[in-house]
């Protein structure tokens, strides 16, 4: 990844994995999809993350 701010937010998000957030693989997959799609805004990234969450199924 070439955007330091994007990388910093990704690192912060992955830190929530131990508190019931997305796991590291989900974060990295969503980040890769965001970069492939050229997601540029917070709203687009939120929509992409929700899509990934819905496709992952229920968490227990």
N, C-alpha and C. Protein backbone atom coordinates (compact mmCIF):
# COMPACT_ATOMS: atom_id res chain seq x y z
N UNK A 1 0.85 -1.17 0.00
CA UNK A 1 0.00 0.00 0.00
C UNK A 1 0.89 1.24 0.00
N UNK A 2 0.46 2.21 -0.72
CA UNK A 2 1.30 3.39 -0.88
C UNK A 2 0.79 4.61 -0.13
N UNK A 3 -0.39 4.54 0.41
CA UNK A 3 -0.96 5.69 1.11
C UNK A 3 -0.73 5.51 2.61
N UNK A 4 0.15 6.33 3.21
CA UNK A 4 0.45 6.15 4.64
C UNK A 4 -0.77 6.34 5.55
N UNK A 5 -1.67 7.24 5.20
CA UNK A 5 -2.86 7.44 6.02
C UNK A 5 -3.78 6.22 5.95
N UNK A 6 -3.95 5.68 4.75
CA UNK A 6 -4.76 4.47 4.57
C UNK A 6 -4.15 3.34 5.39
N UNK A 7 -2.83 3.18 5.31
CA UNK A 7 -2.14 2.13 6.06
C UNK A 7 -2.31 2.32 7.57
N UNK A 8 -2.24 3.54 8.03
CA UNK A 8 -2.40 3.82 9.47
C UNK A 8 -3.80 3.45 9.94
N UNK A 9 -4.80 3.78 9.15
CA UNK A 9 -6.17 3.43 9.54
C UNK A 9 -6.40 1.92 9.48
N UNK A 10 -5.77 1.28 8.51
CA UNK A 10 -5.86 -0.19 8.44
C UNK A 10 -5.24 -0.82 9.68
N UNK A 11 -4.07 -0.34 10.08
CA UNK A 11 -3.42 -0.87 11.29
C UNK A 11 -4.30 -0.67 12.51
N UNK A 12 -4.91 0.49 12.62
CA UNK A 12 -5.78 0.78 13.77
C UNK A 12 -6.98 -0.16 13.76
N UNK A 13 -7.57 -0.37 12.59
CA UNK A 13 -8.73 -1.24 12.48
C UNK A 13 -8.39 -2.68 12.84
N UNK A 14 -7.23 -3.15 12.40
CA UNK A 14 -6.82 -4.52 12.72
C UNK A 14 -6.61 -4.69 14.22
N UNK A 15 -6.29 -3.62 14.91
CA UNK A 15 -6.11 -3.68 16.35
C UNK A 15 -7.39 -4.00 17.11
N UNK A 16 -8.53 -3.79 16.47
CA UNK A 16 -9.81 -4.08 17.11
C UNK A 16 -10.19 -5.56 17.03
N UNK A 17 -9.40 -6.36 16.32
CA UNK A 17 -9.73 -7.78 16.13
C UNK A 17 -9.90 -8.50 17.46
N UNK A 18 -9.07 -8.21 18.43
CA UNK A 18 -9.16 -8.91 19.72
C UNK A 18 -10.36 -8.47 20.55
N UNK A 19 -11.02 -7.41 20.12
CA UNK A 19 -12.20 -6.90 20.84
C UNK A 19 -13.49 -7.17 20.09
N UNK A 20 -13.47 -8.15 19.17
CA UNK A 20 -14.68 -8.53 18.45
C UNK A 20 -14.83 -7.85 17.11
N UNK A 21 -13.83 -7.09 16.70
CA UNK A 21 -13.88 -6.46 15.37
C UNK A 21 -13.54 -7.47 14.30
N UNK A 22 -13.43 -6.97 13.09
CA UNK A 22 -13.05 -7.84 11.98
C UNK A 22 -11.67 -8.43 12.24
N UNK A 23 -11.46 -9.67 11.79
CA UNK A 23 -10.13 -10.24 11.99
C UNK A 23 -9.17 -9.67 10.96
N UNK A 24 -7.90 -9.95 11.13
CA UNK A 24 -6.86 -9.36 10.30
C UNK A 24 -7.06 -9.71 8.83
N UNK A 25 -7.43 -10.95 8.53
CA UNK A 25 -7.65 -11.35 7.14
C UNK A 25 -8.80 -10.56 6.51
N UNK A 26 -9.87 -10.35 7.26
CA UNK A 26 -11.00 -9.56 6.75
C UNK A 26 -10.57 -8.13 6.46
N UNK A 27 -9.78 -7.56 7.36
CA UNK A 27 -9.29 -6.19 7.16
C UNK A 27 -8.44 -6.09 5.92
N UNK A 28 -7.51 -7.02 5.77
CA UNK A 28 -6.61 -6.98 4.62
C UNK A 28 -7.36 -7.22 3.31
N UNK A 29 -8.32 -8.14 3.32
CA UNK A 29 -9.12 -8.41 2.12
C UNK A 29 -9.93 -7.19 1.72
N UNK A 30 -10.57 -6.57 2.69
CA UNK A 30 -11.37 -5.38 2.41
C UNK A 30 -10.49 -4.23 1.92
N UNK A 31 -9.31 -4.08 2.52
CA UNK A 31 -8.39 -3.02 2.09
C UNK A 31 -7.93 -3.25 0.66
N UNK A 32 -7.64 -4.50 0.33
CA UNK A 32 -7.23 -4.82 -1.04
C UNK A 32 -8.35 -4.54 -2.02
N UNK A 33 -9.58 -4.91 -1.66
CA UNK A 33 -10.73 -4.63 -2.52
C UNK A 33 -10.93 -3.13 -2.68
N UNK A 34 -10.73 -2.39 -1.62
CA UNK A 34 -10.89 -0.94 -1.67
C UNK A 34 -9.89 -0.33 -2.65
N UNK A 35 -8.68 -0.79 -2.61
CA UNK A 35 -7.66 -0.26 -3.51
C UNK A 35 -7.92 -0.67 -4.95
N UNK A 36 -8.37 -1.91 -5.16
CA UNK A 36 -8.70 -2.37 -6.51
C UNK A 36 -9.83 -1.55 -7.11
N UNK A 37 -10.82 -1.23 -6.30
CA UNK A 37 -12.00 -0.50 -6.76
C UNK A 37 -11.75 1.01 -6.83
N UNK A 38 -10.64 1.44 -6.27
CA UNK A 38 -10.37 2.87 -6.25
C UNK A 38 -11.26 3.62 -5.28
N UNK A 39 -11.61 2.95 -4.19
CA UNK A 39 -12.47 3.59 -3.19
C UNK A 39 -11.72 4.79 -2.61
N UNK A 40 -12.36 5.93 -2.68
CA UNK A 40 -11.69 7.14 -2.24
C UNK A 40 -12.30 7.83 -1.04
N UNK A 41 -13.58 7.57 -0.78
CA UNK A 41 -14.21 8.28 0.32
C UNK A 41 -14.56 7.34 1.46
N UNK A 42 -14.72 7.92 2.61
CA UNK A 42 -15.10 7.15 3.80
C UNK A 42 -16.42 6.43 3.58
N UNK A 43 -17.36 7.08 2.89
CA UNK A 43 -18.67 6.49 2.66
C UNK A 43 -18.58 5.27 1.74
N UNK A 44 -17.75 5.36 0.71
CA UNK A 44 -17.56 4.22 -0.18
C UNK A 44 -16.90 3.06 0.55
N UNK A 45 -15.92 3.37 1.38
CA UNK A 45 -15.23 2.32 2.13
C UNK A 45 -16.16 1.67 3.14
N UNK A 46 -17.02 2.46 3.78
CA UNK A 46 -17.98 1.91 4.73
C UNK A 46 -18.94 0.96 4.02
N UNK A 47 -19.40 1.34 2.84
CA UNK A 47 -20.30 0.47 2.06
C UNK A 47 -19.59 -0.82 1.67
N UNK A 48 -18.33 -0.72 1.28
CA UNK A 48 -17.56 -1.90 0.91
C UNK A 48 -17.37 -2.82 2.12
N UNK A 49 -17.07 -2.24 3.28
CA UNK A 49 -16.89 -3.04 4.50
C UNK A 49 -18.18 -3.72 4.90
N UNK A 50 -19.30 -3.03 4.78
CA UNK A 50 -20.59 -3.65 5.12
C UNK A 50 -20.89 -4.81 4.17
N UNK A 51 -20.56 -4.64 2.91
CA UNK A 51 -20.76 -5.71 1.93
C UNK A 51 -19.93 -6.93 2.31
N UNK A 52 -18.67 -6.70 2.70
CA UNK A 52 -17.79 -7.80 3.11
C UNK A 52 -18.33 -8.47 4.36
N UNK A 53 -18.85 -7.67 5.28
CA UNK A 53 -19.39 -8.22 6.53
C UNK A 53 -20.61 -9.09 6.24
N UNK A 54 -21.47 -8.64 5.35
CA UNK A 54 -22.67 -9.42 5.03
C UNK A 54 -22.31 -10.73 4.33
N UNK A 55 -21.30 -10.71 3.49
CA UNK A 55 -20.92 -11.92 2.78
C UNK A 55 -20.20 -12.91 3.70
N UNK A 56 -19.67 -12.43 4.82
CA UNK A 56 -18.95 -13.30 5.75
C UNK A 56 -19.91 -14.15 6.58
N UNK A 57 -21.14 -13.73 6.71
CA UNK A 57 -22.10 -14.48 7.50
C UNK A 57 -22.06 -14.10 8.97
N UNK A 58 -22.87 -14.79 9.78
CA UNK A 58 -22.95 -14.43 11.21
C UNK A 58 -21.67 -14.77 11.96
N UNK A 59 -21.39 -13.97 12.97
CA UNK A 59 -20.23 -14.22 13.85
C UNK A 59 -20.76 -14.72 15.19
N UNK A 60 -20.13 -15.73 15.70
CA UNK A 60 -20.54 -16.29 16.99
C UNK A 60 -19.47 -16.11 18.01
